[in-house]
């Protein structure tokens, strides 16, 4: 087989374990053999639309079997898969489609209004259900595909994914991940987590994010285990799936695990099948980790980012009690340093910036050589995150060099929100920071200065942002102030804003 990337995985798995269940979705079990046939049909349909090596195929919608089929179909052709955040507003999706140059868009019914409001529609649009004029219905489209095997030459250095991260300059950046990045990240995960062929993995976090896709679905697929795909997060559905299917491991963020522990079902639910729960992104409060440990569950967490595919460090199960709250040590095939501003390594307990190097690290940003150059220092990826190493070499993330904050598992970049705020004619200045929130971990707080003689309320501004930004990016708190605190050089003192008491 000439396809050495992810596109070859369905055929290889179907040959090894054809009758084993690959996916459970919407009450339907799909075997590895059936999945290979469906993804090959999708690949033939994409090829008929003119898709070839290096072309971009976009997907917009909640978790669905079609997401996985479209991704593997694109990879069979050597094309690049571009999963889009379905929570984004139409202008935001427009930019991503235009910037990526997507040739095909597959979208879910939940995103119909957004898809039909687009100004930069790809040449070929496929709707999972209810297609509009000029669009195609997914199942009808799929049924017309051939099942003849496709074997396009694809190497590990070829780009597999473009994952957009909100940019600190107000525009998202497309982090490129190669097939090799994804393969090596899977190896790193399997070196730290004992995934078995009889595991049943619950996937409720959005697959357009790197963690759900690369830390759960791909390792489960490689091992020939079963992924239970849910459209989104629902506490009761999570409890139901654990009991119905004997879920053995799952990934989540702070909000999800807090919701589970706060449910009236927490005390009496049968969680005996769960071997491990895993988290990443924002640090999980130690009190919440201990709540799970007291319930007899192994709670592991790691540290990483989109650009590292995403694993950089991981806290293995055996260390989860002794090092509770730590993000662990570097994953097996990856190097991590914590450095001072002059590039020298810090001493234990001293904060510094996290640098990452390894075969899982992105080669850079799509069509953005300037951002790519700025992100690397002598081959090391600069995370922009501050952390400390303890005496045992365990990483403890303490702050962010950048202003990004995480709300409910979603990255929010203040510059992007500030850019949208400036579009209001009454706004003269704006600054956005993340502030603590019991449910979401962090939420946005905007400080706004109005033009002279202009008046504005927080609710008016929030209403103005609806439709311009995804809901999770809209600040939960808005302060209309007379001025913003600035340094002598004119920079906004965001630390002072973060410390300001809420009214």
Protein backbone atom coordinates (compact mmCIF):
# COMPACT_ATOMS: atom_id res chain seq x y z
CA UNK A 1 0.00 0.00 0.00
CA UNK A 2 1.42 3.37 -1.05
CA UNK A 3 -0.72 5.36 1.38
CA UNK A 4 1.36 5.50 4.54
CA UNK A 5 -0.90 8.08 6.17
CA UNK A 6 -4.28 7.86 7.88
CA UNK A 7 -6.01 7.12 4.59
CA UNK A 8 -4.71 3.58 4.70
CA UNK A 9 -6.04 2.88 8.21
CA UNK A 10 -9.62 1.83 7.32
CA UNK A 11 -8.48 -0.84 4.83
CA UNK A 12 -5.77 -2.13 7.16
CA UNK A 13 -8.20 -2.37 10.10
CA UNK A 14 -10.90 -3.99 7.96
CA UNK A 15 -8.39 -6.64 6.88
CA UNK A 16 -7.37 -7.38 10.47
CA UNK A 17 -10.71 -7.16 12.30
CA UNK A 18 -13.53 -6.86 9.73
CA UNK A 19 -16.41 -7.84 12.04
CA UNK A 20 -15.35 -5.92 15.13
CA UNK A 21 -17.45 -2.82 15.91
CA UNK A 22 -15.59 0.36 15.00
CA UNK A 23 -18.28 2.90 15.90
CA UNK A 24 -21.55 3.18 17.72
CA UNK A 25 -23.53 6.22 16.62
CA UNK A 26 -27.22 7.04 17.02
CA UNK A 27 -28.00 3.48 18.06
CA UNK A 28 -26.28 1.92 15.04
CA UNK A 29 -23.17 -0.27 15.19
CA UNK A 30 -20.74 0.02 12.28
CA UNK A 31 -18.10 -2.67 11.78
CA UNK A 32 -14.59 -1.96 10.56
CA UNK A 33 -15.43 -3.63 7.24
CA UNK A 34 -18.55 -1.51 6.76
CA UNK A 35 -16.71 1.65 7.76
CA UNK A 36 -13.96 0.91 5.22
CA UNK A 37 -16.60 0.51 2.51
CA UNK A 38 -18.39 3.74 3.45
CA UNK A 39 -15.22 5.83 3.68
CA UNK A 40 -14.05 4.46 0.31
CA UNK A 41 -17.40 5.38 -1.25
CA UNK A 42 -16.97 8.89 0.16
CA UNK A 43 -13.44 9.05 -1.27
CA UNK A 44 -14.72 8.17 -4.75
CA UNK A 45 -17.40 10.86 -4.47
CA UNK A 46 -14.81 13.44 -3.40
CA UNK A 47 -12.59 12.41 -6.31
CA UNK A 48 -15.57 12.87 -8.66
CA UNK A 49 -15.81 16.44 -7.30
CA UNK A 50 -12.23 17.05 -8.40
CA UNK A 51 -10.54 16.50 -5.05
CA UNK A 52 -6.96 15.27 -5.25
CA UNK A 53 -3.72 15.39 -3.23
CA UNK A 54 -3.34 18.61 -1.29
CA UNK A 55 -6.91 19.82 -1.86
CA UNK A 56 -8.92 20.85 1.19
CA UNK A 57 -12.17 19.22 2.34
CA UNK A 58 -14.11 21.01 5.11
CA UNK A 59 -16.65 19.66 7.58
CA UNK A 60 -19.06 21.79 9.64
CA UNK A 61 -21.23 20.14 12.28
CA UNK A 62 -21.44 18.37 15.64
CA UNK A 63 -19.93 14.93 16.16
CA UNK A 64 -21.27 12.46 13.60
CA UNK A 65 -20.15 9.29 11.83
CA UNK A 66 -20.01 11.36 8.63
CA UNK A 67 -17.26 13.50 10.21
CA UNK A 68 -15.01 10.44 10.51
CA UNK A 69 -15.96 9.07 7.10
CA UNK A 70 -15.25 12.40 5.40
CA UNK A 71 -11.89 12.73 7.16
CA UNK A 72 -10.65 9.25 6.21
CA UNK A 73 -12.06 9.68 2.69
CA UNK A 74 -10.07 12.88 2.22
CA UNK A 75 -6.96 11.14 3.51
CA UNK A 76 -7.42 8.25 1.09
CA UNK A 77 -6.98 10.82 -1.69
CA UNK A 78 -4.07 12.61 -0.07
CA UNK A 79 -6.35 15.61 0.53
CA UNK A 80 -6.33 17.81 3.64
CA UNK A 81 -9.24 17.65 6.09
CA UNK A 82 -10.42 20.94 7.61
CA UNK A 83 -12.80 20.40 10.56
CA UNK A 84 -14.63 23.62 11.46
CA UNK A 85 -16.02 24.73 14.79
CA UNK A 86 -19.80 24.47 14.32
CA UNK A 87 -20.34 27.11 17.03
CA UNK A 88 -18.86 29.85 14.84
CA UNK A 89 -20.98 32.53 13.21
CA UNK A 90 -21.29 32.68 9.40
CA UNK A 91 -18.68 35.48 8.92
CA UNK A 92 -16.17 33.47 10.95
CA UNK A 93 -16.78 30.29 8.92
CA UNK A 94 -16.60 32.37 5.74
CA UNK A 95 -13.08 33.46 6.58
CA UNK A 96 -11.90 29.92 7.34
CA UNK A 97 -13.32 28.51 4.10
CA UNK A 98 -11.76 31.33 2.11
CA UNK A 99 -8.40 31.10 3.87
CA UNK A 100 -8.17 27.32 3.56
CA UNK A 101 -9.41 27.33 -0.04
CA UNK A 102 -11.73 24.40 0.66
CA UNK A 103 -13.01 22.67 -2.48
CA UNK A 104 -15.80 20.76 -0.71
CA UNK A 105 -17.94 21.48 2.36
CA UNK A 106 -19.95 18.81 4.17
CA UNK A 107 -22.32 20.26 6.77
CA UNK A 108 -24.84 19.04 9.32
CA UNK A 109 -28.49 20.18 9.55
CA UNK A 110 -27.74 22.08 12.77
CA UNK A 111 -25.51 24.35 10.67
CA UNK A 112 -27.91 24.89 7.76
CA UNK A 113 -28.54 28.58 8.52
CA UNK A 114 -24.81 29.24 8.79
CA UNK A 115 -24.00 27.29 5.61
CA UNK A 116 -26.62 29.14 3.61
CA UNK A 117 -25.45 32.54 4.84
CA UNK A 118 -21.91 31.96 3.57
CA UNK A 119 -20.39 34.33 1.05
CA UNK A 120 -17.46 32.04 0.17
CA UNK A 121 -19.18 28.74 -0.59
CA UNK A 122 -16.94 25.95 -1.92
CA UNK A 123 -17.69 24.63 -5.40
CA UNK A 124 -19.26 21.46 -3.96
CA UNK A 125 -21.55 21.43 -0.90
CA UNK A 126 -22.98 18.27 0.69
CA UNK A 127 -25.67 18.36 3.40
CA UNK A 128 -26.16 15.47 5.81
CA UNK A 129 -29.93 16.01 5.49
CA UNK A 130 -32.24 18.55 3.87
CA UNK A 131 -30.00 19.90 1.11
CA UNK A 132 -30.87 23.21 -0.48
CA UNK A 133 -30.88 23.89 -4.21
CA UNK A 134 -27.49 23.12 -5.72
CA UNK A 135 -26.48 20.91 -2.77
CA UNK A 136 -26.37 17.14 -2.43
CA UNK A 137 -27.82 14.83 0.24
CA UNK A 138 -25.03 12.97 2.03
CA UNK A 139 -26.45 9.42 2.01
CA UNK A 140 -27.55 9.74 -1.63
CA UNK A 141 -24.17 11.19 -2.49
CA UNK A 142 -22.41 8.39 -0.60
CA UNK A 143 -24.48 5.59 -2.16
CA UNK A 144 -23.33 6.66 -5.63
CA UNK A 145 -19.71 6.02 -4.69
CA UNK A 146 -17.66 3.03 -5.78
CA UNK A 147 -16.11 0.55 -3.35
CA UNK A 148 -13.05 -0.09 -5.49
CA UNK A 149 -9.94 0.40 -3.28
CA UNK A 150 -8.03 3.66 -3.71
CA UNK A 151 -4.30 3.75 -3.10
CA UNK A 152 -2.81 7.21 -3.60
CA UNK A 153 0.79 7.77 -2.55
CA UNK A 154 0.79 9.65 0.76
CA UNK A 155 3.83 10.17 3.00
CA UNK A 156 4.08 10.94 6.71
CA UNK A 157 5.33 14.46 5.93
CA UNK A 158 2.19 15.30 3.92
CA UNK A 159 -0.34 17.59 5.57
CA UNK A 160 -3.37 15.75 6.95
CA UNK A 161 -5.29 18.42 8.88
CA UNK A 162 -5.66 22.17 9.11
CA UNK A 163 -7.01 23.02 12.57
CA UNK A 164 -7.89 26.65 13.08
CA UNK A 165 -7.00 28.32 16.34
CA UNK A 166 -8.26 31.81 17.09
CA UNK A 167 -5.46 34.22 16.37
CA UNK A 168 -3.94 36.66 18.83
CA UNK A 169 -4.07 39.32 16.12
CA UNK A 170 -7.81 38.94 15.59
CA UNK A 171 -7.67 36.38 12.78
CA UNK A 172 -7.51 32.58 13.23
CA UNK A 173 -4.38 30.69 12.28
CA UNK A 174 -4.52 27.31 10.58
CA UNK A 175 -2.19 24.91 12.36
CA UNK A 176 -1.05 22.23 9.92
CA UNK A 177 -0.69 18.69 11.24
CA UNK A 178 0.98 16.08 9.07
CA UNK A 179 0.13 12.39 8.93
CA UNK A 180 3.38 11.82 10.82
CA UNK A 181 2.34 14.27 13.55
CA UNK A 182 -0.88 12.29 14.06
CA UNK A 183 0.81 8.89 13.96
CA UNK A 184 3.50 9.88 16.45
CA UNK A 185 0.97 11.51 18.76
CA UNK A 186 -0.98 8.24 18.71
CA UNK A 187 2.20 6.34 19.62
CA UNK A 188 2.80 8.80 22.47
CA UNK A 189 -0.73 8.31 23.77
CA UNK A 190 -0.52 4.51 23.59
CA UNK A 191 2.82 4.61 25.45
CA UNK A 192 1.08 6.36 28.35
CA UNK A 193 -2.42 4.87 28.30
CA UNK A 194 -3.11 1.13 28.19
CA UNK A 195 -5.67 1.21 25.37
CA UNK A 196 -6.83 -2.31 24.56
CA UNK A 197 -8.62 -3.82 21.58
CA UNK A 198 -11.70 -4.45 23.71
CA UNK A 199 -11.92 -0.89 25.04
CA UNK A 200 -15.08 1.15 24.55
CA UNK A 201 -14.28 4.85 24.27
CA UNK A 202 -16.90 7.53 24.84
CA UNK A 203 -16.42 10.58 22.62
CA UNK A 204 -18.57 13.52 23.68
CA UNK A 205 -16.06 16.38 23.32
CA UNK A 206 -16.17 18.01 19.85
CA UNK A 207 -14.15 16.19 17.21
CA UNK A 208 -13.17 19.45 15.51
CA UNK A 209 -10.87 19.90 18.52
CA UNK A 210 -7.53 18.16 18.49
CA UNK A 211 -8.00 16.40 21.85
CA UNK A 212 -11.16 14.41 21.09
CA UNK A 213 -9.91 13.50 17.63
CA UNK A 214 -6.26 12.73 18.27
CA UNK A 215 -6.28 11.62 21.92
CA UNK A 216 -9.31 9.33 21.81
CA UNK A 217 -10.69 8.47 18.37
CA UNK A 218 -7.45 7.78 16.50
CA UNK A 219 -5.80 5.65 19.23
CA UNK A 220 -9.05 3.69 19.63
CA UNK A 221 -9.23 3.12 15.86
CA UNK A 222 -5.60 2.03 15.62
CA UNK A 223 -6.16 -0.57 18.36
CA UNK A 224 -9.31 -1.86 16.68
CA UNK A 225 -11.48 -0.91 19.65
CA UNK A 226 -14.93 0.73 19.67
CA UNK A 227 -15.69 4.46 19.72
CA UNK A 228 -19.12 5.55 20.96
CA UNK A 229 -19.74 8.89 19.26
CA UNK A 230 -22.19 11.33 20.84
CA UNK A 231 -23.27 14.55 19.05
CA UNK A 232 -22.35 16.61 22.09
CA UNK A 233 -22.14 16.77 25.83
CA UNK A 234 -25.14 15.74 27.93
CA UNK A 235 -24.76 14.59 31.53
CA UNK A 236 -27.59 12.06 31.56
CA UNK A 237 -26.63 10.70 28.14
CA UNK A 238 -23.09 10.19 29.46
CA UNK A 239 -24.34 8.17 32.43
CA UNK A 240 -26.65 6.20 30.13
CA UNK A 241 -23.87 5.33 27.66
CA UNK A 242 -21.52 4.24 30.45
CA UNK A 243 -24.14 1.82 31.75
CA UNK A 244 -25.43 0.67 28.33
CA UNK A 245 -22.11 0.08 26.60
CA UNK A 246 -19.64 -0.51 29.43
CA UNK A 247 -17.55 2.57 28.62
CA UNK A 248 -13.96 1.97 29.71
CA UNK A 249 -12.37 5.37 29.14
CA UNK A 250 -13.33 8.90 28.18
CA UNK A 251 -11.87 12.35 27.69
CA UNK A 252 -13.37 15.56 29.02
CA UNK A 253 -12.75 19.11 30.16
CA UNK A 254 -13.38 20.75 33.53
CA UNK A 255 -17.00 21.66 32.79
CA UNK A 256 -17.92 18.13 31.78
CA UNK A 257 -16.36 16.47 34.80
CA UNK A 258 -17.85 19.08 37.14
CA UNK A 259 -21.30 18.45 35.63
CA UNK A 260 -20.96 14.68 36.15
CA UNK A 261 -19.92 15.06 39.78
CA UNK A 262 -22.75 17.55 40.46
CA UNK A 263 -25.43 15.24 39.03
CA UNK A 264 -27.82 13.47 41.43
CA UNK A 265 -26.80 10.26 39.64
CA UNK A 266 -23.16 10.58 40.74
CA UNK A 267 -23.47 8.69 44.04
CA UNK A 268 -25.34 5.63 42.77
CA UNK A 269 -24.43 5.26 39.07
CA UNK A 270 -22.64 2.09 38.05
CA UNK A 271 -19.24 3.35 36.90
CA UNK A 272 -17.46 0.05 37.41
CA UNK A 273 -16.51 -0.29 33.73
CA UNK A 274 -14.56 3.00 33.68
CA UNK A 275 -10.85 2.27 33.91
CA UNK A 276 -9.66 5.80 33.35
CA UNK A 277 -10.89 9.32 32.77
CA UNK A 278 -8.59 11.74 31.00
CA UNK A 279 -8.47 15.50 30.69
CA UNK A 280 -6.45 18.19 28.97
CA UNK A 281 -6.65 21.87 28.07
CA UNK A 282 -7.23 24.00 31.14
CA UNK A 283 -5.87 22.67 34.41
CA UNK A 284 -8.42 20.67 36.40
CA UNK A 285 -8.89 21.89 40.01
CA UNK A 286 -7.30 19.46 42.45
CA UNK A 287 -10.51 19.28 44.47
CA UNK A 288 -12.38 17.96 41.43
CA UNK A 289 -9.66 15.38 40.68
CA UNK A 290 -9.88 14.16 44.26
CA UNK A 291 -13.67 13.86 43.95
CA UNK A 292 -13.11 11.33 41.17
CA UNK A 293 -10.34 9.56 43.02
CA UNK A 294 -12.58 9.20 46.07
CA UNK A 295 -15.14 7.57 43.77
CA UNK A 296 -12.49 4.98 42.88
CA UNK A 297 -11.73 6.38 39.42
CA UNK A 298 -8.27 6.95 37.95
CA UNK A 299 -7.99 10.54 36.77
CA UNK A 300 -5.17 11.40 34.36
CA UNK A 301 -4.41 14.70 32.72
CA UNK A 302 -1.94 16.03 30.24
CA UNK A 303 -0.70 19.23 28.69
CA UNK A 304 -0.50 20.15 25.06
CA UNK A 305 -1.94 22.28 22.30
CA UNK A 306 -3.17 22.05 18.75
CA UNK A 307 0.33 22.58 17.39
CA UNK A 308 1.66 19.53 19.27
CA UNK A 309 -1.10 17.25 17.94
CA UNK A 310 -1.77 17.73 21.00
CA UNK A 311 0.18 15.70 23.57
CA UNK A 312 3.30 17.28 25.07
CA UNK A 313 3.20 15.93 28.64
CA UNK A 314 1.07 13.30 30.36
CA UNK A 315 0.45 12.14 33.90
CA UNK A 316 0.14 8.37 33.83
CA UNK A 317 -2.36 6.44 35.94
CA UNK A 318 0.28 5.22 38.39
CA UNK A 319 1.26 8.79 39.26
CA UNK A 320 -2.24 10.28 39.38
CA UNK A 321 -2.45 10.12 43.19
CA UNK A 322 1.12 11.11 44.09
CA UNK A 323 1.26 13.97 41.59
CA UNK A 324 -2.34 15.17 41.63
CA UNK A 325 -2.63 18.50 39.78
CA UNK A 326 0.54 17.96 37.76
CA UNK A 327 0.41 17.81 33.96
CA UNK A 328 2.95 15.00 34.05
CA UNK A 329 6.23 14.47 32.23
CA UNK A 330 7.11 14.67 28.52
CA UNK A 331 5.37 12.03 26.41
CA UNK A 332 7.58 9.21 25.16
CA UNK A 333 8.79 10.51 21.78
CA UNK A 334 8.72 14.24 22.59
CA UNK A 335 11.08 16.67 24.30
CA UNK A 336 9.90 19.50 26.56
CA UNK A 337 11.95 22.34 28.02
CA UNK A 338 11.04 25.21 30.33
CA UNK A 339 13.22 28.24 29.65
CA UNK A 340 13.97 31.76 30.78
CA UNK A 341 13.60 34.70 28.36
CA UNK A 342 17.29 34.27 27.43
CA UNK A 343 16.64 30.65 26.37
CA UNK A 344 18.43 28.97 29.28
CA UNK A 345 16.72 26.18 31.20
CA UNK A 346 15.01 27.11 34.48
CA UNK A 347 15.77 25.54 37.83
CA UNK A 348 13.09 23.41 39.56
CA UNK A 349 10.32 25.64 40.87
CA UNK A 350 11.28 28.55 38.62
CA UNK A 351 8.65 29.66 36.07
CA UNK A 352 9.51 29.80 32.41
CA UNK A 353 8.12 29.36 28.92
CA UNK A 354 7.35 25.84 27.70
CA UNK A 355 9.14 24.74 24.52
CA UNK A 356 8.27 21.51 22.70
CA UNK A 357 10.13 19.51 20.06
CA UNK A 358 9.33 16.17 18.45
CA UNK A 359 7.74 14.33 15.53
CA UNK A 360 4.28 15.30 16.79
CA UNK A 361 4.95 19.06 16.45
CA UNK A 362 3.28 20.98 13.61
CA UNK A 363 5.48 22.21 10.76
CA UNK A 364 3.71 25.58 10.95
CA UNK A 365 0.65 27.58 9.96
CA UNK A 366 -1.23 27.38 6.68
CA UNK A 367 -0.38 30.29 4.39
CA UNK A 368 1.24 32.22 7.25
CA UNK A 369 5.05 32.09 7.07
CA UNK A 370 5.38 35.03 9.46
CA UNK A 371 3.44 33.26 12.21
CA UNK A 372 5.36 30.05 11.53
CA UNK A 373 8.72 31.78 11.88
CA UNK A 374 7.64 33.51 15.11
CA UNK A 375 6.45 30.22 16.65
CA UNK A 376 9.78 28.40 16.46
CA UNK A 377 13.16 28.95 18.07
CA UNK A 378 15.97 26.76 16.68
CA UNK A 379 13.47 23.99 15.96
CA UNK A 380 11.62 24.27 19.30
CA UNK A 381 7.96 25.27 19.28
CA UNK A 382 7.28 28.20 21.59
CA UNK A 383 4.06 27.48 23.47
CA UNK A 384 3.61 30.91 25.02
CA UNK A 385 2.70 29.15 28.28
CA UNK A 386 4.40 29.58 31.63
CA UNK A 387 5.10 26.53 33.76
CA UNK A 388 7.34 25.18 36.51
CA UNK A 389 9.11 21.85 36.77
CA UNK A 390 9.27 20.14 40.15
CA UNK A 391 12.22 18.14 41.44
CA UNK A 392 10.91 15.00 39.69
CA UNK A 393 10.57 16.71 36.30
CA UNK A 394 6.77 16.99 36.41
CA UNK A 395 5.27 20.00 34.68
CA UNK A 396 2.95 22.38 36.52
CA UNK A 397 1.32 24.97 34.25
CA UNK A 398 0.95 28.22 36.16
CA UNK A 399 -0.02 30.93 33.68
CA UNK A 400 -0.01 31.95 30.03
CA UNK A 401 2.41 34.26 28.36
CA UNK A 402 -0.32 35.02 25.88
CA UNK A 403 -3.69 36.39 26.90
CA UNK A 404 -5.69 33.40 25.72
CA UNK A 405 -8.11 31.87 28.20
CA UNK A 406 -10.18 28.68 28.12
CA UNK A 407 -13.95 28.78 28.63
CA UNK A 408 -15.73 25.45 28.87
CA UNK A 409 -12.92 23.74 26.99
CA UNK A 410 -12.91 26.34 24.17
CA UNK A 411 -9.91 28.60 23.53
CA UNK A 412 -10.82 32.29 23.52
CA UNK A 413 -8.35 34.87 22.25
CA UNK A 414 -9.12 38.37 23.53
CA UNK A 415 -7.74 40.12 20.44
CA UNK A 416 -10.40 38.48 18.29
CA UNK A 417 -13.17 39.58 20.67
CA UNK A 418 -11.69 43.07 20.92
CA UNK A 419 -11.64 43.30 17.13
CA UNK A 420 -15.37 42.55 17.05
CA UNK A 421 -16.08 45.07 19.83
CA UNK A 422 -14.31 47.79 17.86
CA UNK A 423 -16.84 47.34 15.06
CA UNK A 424 -19.47 49.03 17.25
CA UNK A 425 -19.54 52.74 16.35
CA UNK A 426 -19.71 53.81 20.00
CA UNK A 427 -16.57 51.92 21.07
CA UNK A 428 -13.32 53.90 21.28
CA UNK A 429 -11.21 51.40 23.24
CA UNK A 430 -11.69 47.81 24.38
CA UNK A 431 -9.79 45.21 26.35
CA UNK A 432 -10.88 41.65 27.14
CA UNK A 433 -9.54 39.35 29.85
CA UNK A 434 -10.50 35.96 31.22
CA UNK A 435 -11.91 35.84 34.74
CA UNK A 436 -12.68 32.80 36.93
CA UNK A 437 -16.10 31.18 36.66
CA UNK A 438 -17.38 28.26 38.72
CA UNK A 439 -19.10 26.49 35.82
CA UNK A 440 -17.00 27.34 32.77
CA UNK A 441 -13.57 27.63 34.39
CA UNK A 442 -13.11 31.07 32.84
CA UNK A 443 -15.35 33.54 31.02
CA UNK A 444 -14.65 36.79 29.23
CA UNK A 445 -14.80 40.21 30.84
CA UNK A 446 -14.71 43.22 28.53
CA UNK A 447 -13.67 46.72 29.53
CA UNK A 448 -14.96 49.31 27.06
CA UNK A 449 -14.37 53.04 26.67
CA UNK A 450 -16.97 54.89 24.60
CA UNK A 451 -16.41 57.76 22.21
CA UNK A 452 -17.15 61.18 23.61
CA UNK A 453 -20.90 61.81 23.95
CA UNK A 454 -21.67 58.16 23.11
CA UNK A 455 -23.48 55.89 25.55
CA UNK A 456 -23.62 52.13 25.66
CA UNK A 457 -24.75 49.37 28.02
CA UNK A 458 -23.22 45.98 28.49
CA UNK A 459 -26.33 44.20 27.26
CA UNK A 460 -26.38 46.32 24.11
CA UNK A 461 -22.79 45.30 23.38
CA UNK A 462 -23.47 41.63 24.05
CA UNK A 463 -26.43 41.82 21.68
CA UNK A 464 -24.21 43.46 19.07
CA UNK A 465 -21.76 40.56 19.25
CA UNK A 466 -24.41 37.88 18.78
CA UNK A 467 -24.15 36.63 15.22
CA UNK A 468 -20.66 38.08 14.91
CA UNK A 469 -18.96 35.74 17.34
CA UNK A 470 -19.60 32.26 18.69
CA UNK A 471 -21.60 32.33 21.91
CA UNK A 472 -18.71 31.15 24.10
CA UNK A 473 -16.56 34.09 22.92
CA UNK A 474 -19.08 36.75 23.95
CA UNK A 475 -17.97 38.27 27.28
CA UNK A 476 -20.13 37.28 30.24
CA UNK A 477 -19.26 40.60 31.90
CA UNK A 478 -19.02 44.03 30.29
CA UNK A 479 -17.70 47.11 32.10
CA UNK A 480 -18.13 50.52 30.51
CA UNK A 481 -15.26 52.59 31.93
CA UNK A 482 -13.80 56.07 31.50
CA UNK A 483 -10.30 54.83 30.63
CA UNK A 484 -8.13 51.73 30.41
CA UNK A 485 -5.01 51.42 32.60
CA UNK A 486 -1.92 51.63 30.43
CA UNK A 487 1.83 51.37 30.82
CA UNK A 488 4.19 54.19 29.95
CA UNK A 489 4.55 52.70 26.47
CA UNK A 490 0.78 52.71 25.98
CA UNK A 491 0.09 48.98 26.47
CA UNK A 492 -3.06 48.03 28.35
CA UNK A 493 -2.27 46.64 31.81
CA UNK A 494 -4.36 43.53 31.60
CA UNK A 495 -3.12 42.18 34.92
CA UNK A 496 -4.77 45.16 36.58
CA UNK A 497 -8.01 44.46 34.72
CA UNK A 498 -7.98 40.81 35.77
CA UNK A 499 -7.58 41.86 39.40
CA UNK A 500 -10.49 44.33 39.29
CA UNK A 501 -13.38 43.12 41.51
CA UNK A 502 -16.61 42.24 39.76
CA UNK A 503 -19.44 44.68 40.49
